Amino acid sequence: MEYDLDSGAHSTYSLHYHLILTTKYRRGVLTEDRTQFLRGVISGFTDNYGVELTNLDGEDDHVHILFRAKPTTDLVKFINTVKGATARRIRNEYADELKTELWGDSFWNDSYCLISTGQVSLDVLKQYVEDQRG
């Protein structure tokens, strides 16, 4: 098997992550349109963190975000930016629709799940996501 490796000045690496975010109260507020909107928001600042978005998918109450990162990426800062920026932007864009489904300033649950994935398991995970889409 051939690996897709990244390299820096003095390193070679392959860092893949799977981030799962759930909506506040697990409310089913994520439509396909809103999920695409989230993808656009996240893609707008990934370069600032040395991150490459490889896939984003989910269901009405959660999203799966697959990304590659550099060894110097501050993952906590990146995740907090993802949660904060997407929450603000989606609440502004869909304010009228969301006001009856979510209240307060929260969009995401306070917690998150971050899993490091190997390249082999990443390929399997991507295939699983594609299979779930139908």
Protein backbone atom coordinates (compact mmCIF):
# COMPACT_ATOMS: atom_id res chain seq x y z
CA MET A 1 0.00 0.00 0.00
CA GLU A 2 1.29 3.44 -0.90
CA TYR A 3 0.75 6.25 1.61
CA ASP A 4 0.02 9.88 0.86
CA LEU A 5 2.60 11.61 3.06
CA ASP A 6 3.07 15.30 3.76
CA SER A 7 6.43 16.80 4.57
CA GLY A 8 7.85 19.82 6.31
CA ALA A 9 11.37 21.18 6.54
CA HIS A 10 12.53 18.35 8.83
CA SER A 11 9.61 15.93 8.99
CA THR A 12 7.38 13.57 7.09
CA TYR A 13 3.90 12.98 8.42
CA SER A 14 0.35 11.89 7.69
CA LEU A 15 -2.04 13.38 10.27
CA HIS A 16 -5.71 12.71 9.61
CA TYR A 17 -8.52 13.54 12.02
CA HIS A 18 -12.23 12.87 12.34
CA LEU A 19 -14.14 15.59 14.22
CA ILE A 20 -17.76 15.05 15.24
CA LEU A 21 -19.89 18.00 16.33
CA THR A 22 -23.46 17.67 17.60
CA THR A 23 -26.06 20.39 17.62
CA LYS A 24 -27.29 21.80 20.93
CA TYR A 25 -29.88 19.47 22.47
CA ARG A 26 -29.29 17.18 19.46
CA ARG A 27 -31.87 19.22 17.58
CA GLY A 28 -32.34 18.09 13.98
CA VAL A 29 -31.58 21.47 12.39
CA LEU A 30 -28.93 20.50 9.84
CA THR A 31 -30.36 20.26 6.36
CA GLU A 32 -28.29 19.50 3.26
CA ASP A 33 -28.26 23.24 2.48
CA ARG A 34 -27.03 24.14 5.96
CA THR A 35 -24.38 21.42 5.87
CA GLN A 36 -23.08 22.82 2.57
CA PHE A 37 -23.08 26.28 4.14
CA LEU A 38 -20.95 24.94 7.02
CA ARG A 39 -18.51 23.42 4.53
CA GLY A 40 -18.07 26.82 2.88
CA VAL A 41 -17.52 28.60 6.20
CA ILE A 42 -14.92 26.07 7.37
CA SER A 43 -13.14 26.06 4.00
CA GLY A 44 -12.74 29.82 4.34
CA PHE A 45 -10.25 29.60 7.19
CA THR A 46 -8.60 26.16 7.04
CA ASP A 47 -5.44 27.55 5.40
CA ASN A 48 -4.88 29.82 8.40
CA TYR A 49 -4.48 26.72 10.58
CA GLY A 50 -2.54 24.48 8.19
CA VAL A 51 -5.58 22.26 7.75
CA GLU A 52 -7.02 20.62 4.64
CA LEU A 53 -10.71 19.73 4.75
CA THR A 54 -11.10 16.32 3.12
CA ASN A 55 -14.77 15.59 3.78
CA LEU A 56 -17.76 16.99 5.63
CA ASP A 57 -21.00 15.10 5.98
CA GLY A 58 -23.53 14.27 8.61
CA GLU A 59 -27.14 13.97 9.57
CA ASP A 60 -29.69 16.42 10.90
CA ASP A 61 -28.19 16.57 14.42
CA HIS A 62 -24.45 16.15 13.86
CA VAL A 63 -21.62 16.55 11.36
CA HIS A 64 -18.52 14.50 10.61
CA ILE A 65 -15.55 16.60 9.57
CA LEU A 66 -12.54 14.80 8.14
CA PHE A 67 -9.37 16.84 7.82
CA ARG A 68 -5.61 16.68 7.49
CA ALA A 69 -3.35 18.80 9.64
CA LYS A 70 0.27 19.74 10.13
CA PRO A 71 2.21 18.75 13.25
CA THR A 72 2.22 22.41 14.30
CA THR A 73 -1.57 22.81 14.08
CA ASP A 74 -3.15 23.85 17.36
CA LEU A 75 -6.11 21.45 17.19
CA VAL A 76 -8.02 22.92 20.14
CA LYS A 77 -7.76 26.42 18.69
CA PHE A 78 -8.86 25.14 15.27
CA ILE A 79 -11.85 23.27 16.73
CA ASN A 80 -12.91 26.26 18.81
CA THR A 81 -12.70 28.43 15.71
CA VAL A 82 -14.76 25.92 13.73
CA LYS A 83 -17.43 25.82 16.41
CA GLY A 84 -17.51 29.58 17.00
CA ALA A 85 -17.36 30.74 13.40
CA THR A 86 -19.87 28.23 12.08
CA ALA A 87 -22.31 28.90 14.93
CA ARG A 88 -22.22 32.66 14.34
CA ARG A 89 -22.48 32.42 10.58
CA ILE A 90 -25.25 29.82 10.46
CA ARG A 91 -27.28 31.68 13.11
CA ASN A 92 -26.96 34.89 11.09
CA GLU A 93 -27.78 33.23 7.76
CA TYR A 94 -30.75 31.17 9.02
CA ALA A 95 -31.89 33.31 11.96
CA ASP A 96 -35.61 33.26 11.20
CA GLU A 97 -35.71 29.51 10.63
CA LEU A 98 -33.62 28.59 13.68
CA LYS A 99 -35.26 30.83 16.30
CA THR A 100 -38.03 28.29 16.96
CA GLU A 101 -35.68 25.29 16.95
CA LEU A 102 -32.76 26.64 19.03
CA TRP A 103 -32.72 29.41 21.59
CA GLY A 104 -29.98 31.52 23.11
CA ASP A 105 -26.66 31.93 21.35
CA SER A 106 -25.72 28.25 21.24
CA PHE A 107 -25.69 26.19 18.09
CA TRP A 108 -23.26 23.37 18.93
CA ASN A 109 -23.14 21.16 21.99
CA ASP A 110 -20.30 22.17 24.33
CA SER A 111 -18.45 18.88 23.81
CA TYR A 112 -16.96 17.35 20.68
CA CYS A 113 -15.34 14.11 19.58
CA LEU A 114 -11.92 14.15 17.89
CA ILE A 115 -10.45 10.90 16.63
CA SER A 116 -7.08 10.48 14.99
CA THR A 117 -7.38 8.22 11.99
CA GLY A 118 -4.78 6.34 10.04
CA GLN A 119 -4.77 6.63 6.30
CA VAL A 120 -6.14 3.11 5.90
CA SER A 121 -9.01 3.73 8.31
CA LEU A 122 -9.64 7.11 6.66
CA ASP A 123 -10.22 5.39 3.32
CA VAL A 124 -12.60 2.95 5.01
CA LEU A 125 -14.39 5.83 6.75
CA LYS A 126 -14.77 7.77 3.49
CA GLN A 127 -16.24 4.67 1.85
CA TYR A 128 -18.64 4.26 4.75
CA VAL A 129 -19.82 7.88 4.44
CA GLU A 130 -20.31 7.43 0.69
CA ASP A 131 -22.26 4.19 1.25
CA GLN A 132 -24.52 5.93 3.79
CA ARG A 133 -25.39 8.63 1.26
CA GLY A 134 -26.76 5.97 -1.06
